[in-house]
Protein backbone atom coordinates (compact mmCIF):
# COMPACT_ATOMS: atom_id res chain seq x y z
CA MET A 1 48.88 -36.41 61.72
CA LYS A 2 45.46 -37.74 62.40
CA PHE A 3 43.63 -40.11 59.91
CA ARG A 4 40.18 -41.61 59.76
CA ALA A 5 39.70 -45.29 58.40
CA GLU A 6 36.63 -46.40 56.77
CA ILE A 7 36.67 -50.25 57.04
CA ASP A 8 34.28 -52.64 55.44
CA VAL A 9 34.30 -56.31 56.56
CA MET A 10 32.26 -58.82 54.56
CA PRO A 11 31.69 -62.56 54.60
CA LEU A 12 33.71 -64.35 51.88
CA LYS A 13 31.61 -64.76 48.79
CA ALA A 14 32.35 -68.60 48.83
CA LEU A 15 30.59 -68.80 52.32
CA LEU A 16 26.92 -68.82 53.01
CA ASP A 17 25.54 -65.58 54.59
CA PRO A 18 22.62 -66.47 56.67
CA GLN A 19 21.68 -62.90 57.59
CA GLY A 20 21.96 -61.89 53.80
CA LYS A 21 19.76 -64.84 52.82
CA ALA A 22 17.10 -63.95 55.24
CA VAL A 23 16.96 -60.38 54.03
CA THR A 24 16.88 -61.55 50.50
CA GLY A 25 13.86 -63.51 51.32
CA SER A 26 12.27 -60.72 53.19
CA MET A 27 12.58 -58.51 50.09
CA LYS A 28 10.25 -60.63 48.21
CA ASN A 29 7.66 -60.43 51.05
CA LEU A 30 8.05 -56.71 50.81
CA GLY A 31 7.22 -56.49 47.14
CA LEU A 32 10.91 -56.09 46.12
CA PRO A 33 11.63 -59.38 44.37
CA GLU A 34 14.12 -57.73 41.97
CA ILE A 35 16.58 -57.34 44.97
CA GLU A 36 18.77 -60.43 45.26
CA ASN A 37 22.03 -61.82 46.73
CA VAL A 38 22.05 -59.63 49.75
CA ARG A 39 25.29 -59.78 51.71
CA ILE A 40 25.57 -58.32 55.27
CA GLY A 41 28.73 -57.29 56.72
CA LYS A 42 29.97 -54.48 59.08
CA HIS A 43 31.26 -51.00 58.60
CA ILE A 44 33.96 -49.73 61.09
CA THR A 45 35.18 -46.17 61.47
CA LEU A 46 38.17 -45.37 63.60
CA GLU A 47 40.71 -42.57 63.98
CA ILE A 48 44.39 -43.14 64.16
CA GLU A 49 47.45 -40.82 64.97
CA ALA A 50 50.49 -41.60 62.76
CA ASP A 51 53.38 -39.77 61.34
CA SER A 52 52.56 -40.64 57.82
CA LYS A 53 49.65 -42.14 55.63
CA ASP A 54 51.93 -45.16 55.08
CA ILE A 55 52.33 -45.94 58.84
CA ALA A 56 48.44 -45.28 59.35
CA ASN A 57 47.74 -47.71 56.42
CA THR A 58 50.05 -50.41 58.09
CA LYS A 59 48.43 -50.08 61.50
CA VAL A 60 44.87 -50.22 60.24
CA ASP A 61 45.74 -53.24 58.13
CA GLU A 62 47.29 -54.85 61.29
CA ALA A 63 44.22 -53.99 63.30
CA CYS A 64 41.98 -55.54 60.70
CA LYS A 65 44.11 -58.77 60.49
CA LYS A 66 44.40 -59.23 64.21
CA LEU A 67 41.04 -58.08 65.50
CA LEU A 68 38.51 -56.56 63.23
CA ALA A 69 38.03 -59.34 60.63
CA ASN A 70 38.10 -63.12 60.94
CA GLN A 71 40.23 -63.81 57.76
CA ILE A 72 39.03 -67.49 57.71
CA MET A 73 35.42 -66.26 57.07
CA GLU A 74 35.53 -62.52 56.07
CA SER A 75 37.46 -60.15 53.82
CA TYR A 76 38.12 -56.62 54.42
CA GLU A 77 38.93 -53.35 52.66
CA PHE A 78 39.52 -49.93 53.87
CA GLU A 79 40.25 -46.34 52.95
CA LEU A 80 42.16 -43.65 54.92
CA PHE A 81 41.27 -39.92 55.04
CA GLU A 82 43.31 -37.16 56.58
CA ASN A 83 41.39 -35.42 59.30
């Protein structure tokens, strides 16, 4: 079976997000002062071939832990879809 994973990696809430802070400041300059606390992360999409959704889930989780997210500074969550 083929699955598609949609992964969101974000900086931990306890850590400063310099990109988000810069964008938050720019919102005020654009006349959008009501937009606050912008956090910027990354969105990753991948396809995986696996015998079951449970196996695909385990493999995607492993990829996130080993490569896609720096767990010291980032958190991640993902959703799996059957293709």
